[in-house]
Amino acid sequence: RLCCVDPVLPTTTGCGRALHAYNDACQKLVRRSQEVGDDYCAIRVLKKLHYALVNEMNNPDRGQAFRHKSYLLACDTLVEMCRLYRLYENEPRAQMCQEEFSRSITCNHPPKSH
């Protein structure tokens, strides 16, 4: 199974390249999982990526640009997760993910674009 391989987001402060590399590695795992018909794994990787991005967008130790990029990438992963949940007729789960994300934005005030 592809899900056995989990990329790890480096904890160094403010490295945008590391964020993109992590996102790209996870997205590659999602695509490979879907290619072999393992949508369960694709959703699992997307969830892990999404929650890591939400964590980073709310991390006060990260710079403004890093947090904003994390927010944008988290929005993208949310859309894809919800699409997959809806594909498998799991609307309640899709709604729950959207509500959780909305709460994380409301509670933590992510950086705004300039």
C-alpha atoms as a PDB file:
ATOM      1  CA  ARG A   1       0.000   0.000   0.000  1.00  0.00           C
ATOM      2  CA  LEU A   2       1.126   3.482  -0.809  1.00  0.00           C
ATOM      3  CA  CYS A   3      -0.218   4.826   2.489  1.00  0.00           C
ATOM      4  CA  CYS A   4       2.692   3.275   4.310  1.00  0.00           C
ATOM      5  CA  VAL A   5       4.842   6.141   3.006  1.00  0.00           C
ATOM      6  CA  ASP A   6       4.127   9.420   4.784  1.00  0.00           C
ATOM      7  CA  PRO A   7       6.061  12.564   3.872  1.00  0.00           C
ATOM      8  CA  VAL A   8       6.972  14.718   6.872  1.00  0.00           C
ATOM      9  CA  LEU A   9       6.815  18.502   6.948  1.00  0.00           C
ATOM     10  CA  PRO A  10      10.120  19.868   8.282  1.00  0.00           C
ATOM     11  CA  THR A  11       9.833  21.917  11.464  1.00  0.00           C
ATOM     12  CA  THR A  12      12.341  24.563  10.417  1.00  0.00           C
ATOM     13  CA  THR A  13      10.858  28.035  10.622  1.00  0.00           C
ATOM     14  CA  GLY A  14       9.551  29.748   7.537  1.00  0.00           C
ATOM     15  CA  CYS A  15      10.904  27.663   4.661  1.00  0.00           C
ATOM     16  CA  GLY A  16       8.418  28.011   1.813  1.00  0.00           C
ATOM     17  CA  ARG A  17      10.301  25.510  -0.330  1.00  0.00           C
ATOM     18  CA  ALA A  18       9.851  22.829   2.337  1.00  0.00           C
ATOM     19  CA  LEU A  19       6.116  23.560   2.419  1.00  0.00           C
ATOM     20  CA  HIS A  20       5.851  23.185  -1.356  1.00  0.00           C
ATOM     21  CA  ALA A  21       7.970  20.029  -1.344  1.00  0.00           C
ATOM     22  CA  TYR A  22       5.765  18.507   1.361  1.00  0.00           C
ATOM     23  CA  ASN A  23       2.591  19.465  -0.490  1.00  0.00           C
ATOM     24  CA  ASP A  24       3.954  18.110  -3.779  1.00  0.00           C
ATOM     25  CA  ALA A  25       5.038  14.812  -2.188  1.00  0.00           C
ATOM     26  CA  CYS A  26       1.606  14.313  -0.637  1.00  0.00           C
ATOM     27  CA  GLN A  27      -0.200  15.255  -3.847  1.00  0.00           C
ATOM     28  CA  LYS A  28       1.960  12.750  -5.721  1.00  0.00           C
ATOM     29  CA  LEU A  29       0.937  10.044  -3.227  1.00  0.00           C
ATOM     30  CA  VAL A  30      -2.716  11.026  -3.712  1.00  0.00           C
ATOM     31  CA  ARG A  31      -2.420  10.731  -7.507  1.00  0.00           C
ATOM     32  CA  ARG A  32      -0.572   7.400  -7.303  1.00  0.00           C
ATOM     33  CA  SER A  33      -3.179   6.047  -4.886  1.00  0.00           C
ATOM     34  CA  GLN A  34      -5.972   7.044  -7.229  1.00  0.00           C
ATOM     35  CA  GLU A  35      -4.144   5.538 -10.209  1.00  0.00           C
ATOM     36  CA  VAL A  36      -4.116   2.155  -8.489  1.00  0.00           C
ATOM     37  CA  GLY A  37      -7.725   2.526  -7.327  1.00  0.00           C
ATOM     38  CA  ASP A  38      -6.984   3.104  -3.644  1.00  0.00           C
ATOM     39  CA  ASP A  39      -9.215   6.079  -2.882  1.00  0.00           C
ATOM     40  CA  TYR A  40      -9.159   5.241   0.834  1.00  0.00           C
ATOM     41  CA  CYS A  41      -5.423   5.890   0.841  1.00  0.00           C
ATOM     42  CA  ALA A  42      -5.874   9.047  -1.248  1.00  0.00           C
ATOM     43  CA  ILE A  43      -8.338  10.433   1.298  1.00  0.00           C
ATOM     44  CA  ARG A  44      -6.065   9.452   4.193  1.00  0.00           C
ATOM     45  CA  VAL A  45      -3.085  11.274   2.657  1.00  0.00           C
ATOM     46  CA  LEU A  46      -5.229  14.314   1.823  1.00  0.00           C
ATOM     47  CA  LYS A  47      -6.529  14.452   5.397  1.00  0.00           C
ATOM     48  CA  LYS A  48      -3.029  14.258   6.835  1.00  0.00           C
ATOM     49  CA  LEU A  49      -1.822  16.971   4.441  1.00  0.00           C
ATOM     50  CA  HIS A  50      -4.846  19.156   5.134  1.00  0.00           C
ATOM     51  CA  TYR A  51      -4.507  19.015   8.915  1.00  0.00           C
ATOM     52  CA  ALA A  52      -0.754  19.674   8.696  1.00  0.00           C
ATOM     53  CA  LEU A  53      -1.472  22.738   6.546  1.00  0.00           C
ATOM     54  CA  VAL A  54      -4.165  23.967   8.947  1.00  0.00           C
ATOM     55  CA  ASN A  55      -1.664  23.536  11.783  1.00  0.00           C
ATOM     56  CA  GLU A  56       0.905  25.590   9.897  1.00  0.00           C
ATOM     57  CA  MET A  57      -1.518  28.355   8.919  1.00  0.00           C
ATOM     58  CA  ASN A  58      -2.233  28.806  12.633  1.00  0.00           C
ATOM     59  CA  ASN A  59       1.367  28.440  13.794  1.00  0.00           C
ATOM     60  CA  PRO A  60       2.509  31.779  15.279  1.00  0.00           C
ATOM     61  CA  ASP A  61       6.152  30.687  14.897  1.00  0.00           C
ATOM     62  CA  ARG A  62       5.811  30.765  11.104  1.00  0.00           C
ATOM     63  CA  GLY A  63       6.131  33.914   8.992  1.00  0.00           C
ATOM     64  CA  GLN A  64       3.138  35.685   7.455  1.00  0.00           C
ATOM     65  CA  ALA A  65       3.875  34.513   3.887  1.00  0.00           C
ATOM     66  CA  PHE A  66       4.347  30.894   5.013  1.00  0.00           C
ATOM     67  CA  ARG A  67       1.093  30.948   6.968  1.00  0.00           C
ATOM     68  CA  HIS A  68      -0.780  32.496   4.065  1.00  0.00           C
ATOM     69  CA  LYS A  69       0.553  29.898   1.613  1.00  0.00           C
ATOM     70  CA  SER A  70      -0.418  27.160   4.087  1.00  0.00           C
ATOM     71  CA  TYR A  71      -3.927  28.616   4.144  1.00  0.00           C
ATOM     72  CA  LEU A  72      -4.179  28.613   0.332  1.00  0.00           C
ATOM     73  CA  LEU A  73      -2.932  25.027   0.088  1.00  0.00           C
ATOM     74  CA  ALA A  74      -5.320  23.966   2.890  1.00  0.00           C
ATOM     75  CA  CYS A  75      -8.201  25.420   0.862  1.00  0.00           C
ATOM     76  CA  ASP A  76      -7.107  23.332  -2.137  1.00  0.00           C
ATOM     77  CA  THR A  77      -6.876  20.128  -0.101  1.00  0.00           C
ATOM     78  CA  LEU A  78     -10.277  20.804   1.457  1.00  0.00           C
ATOM     79  CA  VAL A  79     -11.860  21.043  -1.999  1.00  0.00           C
ATOM     80  CA  GLU A  80     -10.272  17.763  -3.086  1.00  0.00           C
ATOM     81  CA  MET A  81     -11.178  15.927   0.147  1.00  0.00           C
ATOM     82  CA  CYS A  82     -14.783  17.046  -0.121  1.00  0.00           C
ATOM     83  CA  ARG A  83     -14.903  16.016  -3.773  1.00  0.00           C
ATOM     84  CA  LEU A  84     -13.762  12.502  -2.872  1.00  0.00           C
ATOM     85  CA  TYR A  85     -16.163  12.233   0.060  1.00  0.00           C
ATOM     86  CA  ARG A  86     -19.041  13.309  -2.182  1.00  0.00           C
ATOM     87  CA  LEU A  87     -17.933  10.874  -4.874  1.00  0.00           C
ATOM     88  CA  TYR A  88     -18.523   8.125  -2.325  1.00  0.00           C
ATOM     89  CA  GLU A  89     -21.795   9.703  -1.199  1.00  0.00           C
ATOM     90  CA  ASN A  90     -20.445  10.772   2.170  1.00  0.00           C
ATOM     91  CA  GLU A  91     -21.911  14.271   2.263  1.00  0.00           C
ATOM     92  CA  PRO A  92     -21.964  14.412   6.104  1.00  0.00           C
ATOM     93  CA  ARG A  93     -18.196  13.890   6.222  1.00  0.00           C
ATOM     94  CA  ALA A  94     -17.636  16.546   3.549  1.00  0.00           C
ATOM     95  CA  GLN A  95     -19.803  18.989   5.502  1.00  0.00           C
ATOM     96  CA  MET A  96     -17.950  18.203   8.733  1.00  0.00           C
ATOM     97  CA  CYS A  97     -14.582  18.935   7.090  1.00  0.00           C
ATOM     98  CA  GLN A  98     -15.864  22.255   5.769  1.00  0.00           C
ATOM     99  CA  GLU A  99     -17.258  23.233   9.156  1.00  0.00           C
ATOM    100  CA  GLU A 100     -14.017  22.316  10.957  1.00  0.00           C
ATOM    101  CA  PHE A 101     -12.030  24.387   8.489  1.00  0.00           C
ATOM    102  CA  SER A 102     -14.383  27.350   8.898  1.00  0.00           C
ATOM    103  CA  ARG A 103     -13.973  27.153  12.671  1.00  0.00           C
ATOM    104  CA  SER A 104     -10.185  27.067  12.381  1.00  0.00           C
ATOM    105  CA  ILE A 105     -10.305  30.221  10.255  1.00  0.00           C
ATOM    106  CA  THR A 106     -12.727  32.043  12.548  1.00  0.00           C
ATOM    107  CA  CYS A 107     -10.844  31.116  15.704  1.00  0.00           C
ATOM    108  CA  ASN A 108      -7.337  31.752  14.484  1.00  0.00           C
ATOM    109  CA  HIS A 109      -7.657  34.589  11.958  1.00  0.00           C
ATOM    110  CA  PRO A 110      -5.342  33.386   9.158  1.00  0.00           C
ATOM    111  CA  PRO A 111      -3.251  35.985   7.371  1.00  0.00           C
ATOM    112  CA  LYS A 112      -5.018  38.039   4.716  1.00  0.00           C
ATOM    113  CA  SER A 113      -3.679  38.659   1.220  1.00  0.00           C
ATOM    114  CA  HIS A 114      -2.304  42.066   0.452  1.00  0.00           C
END
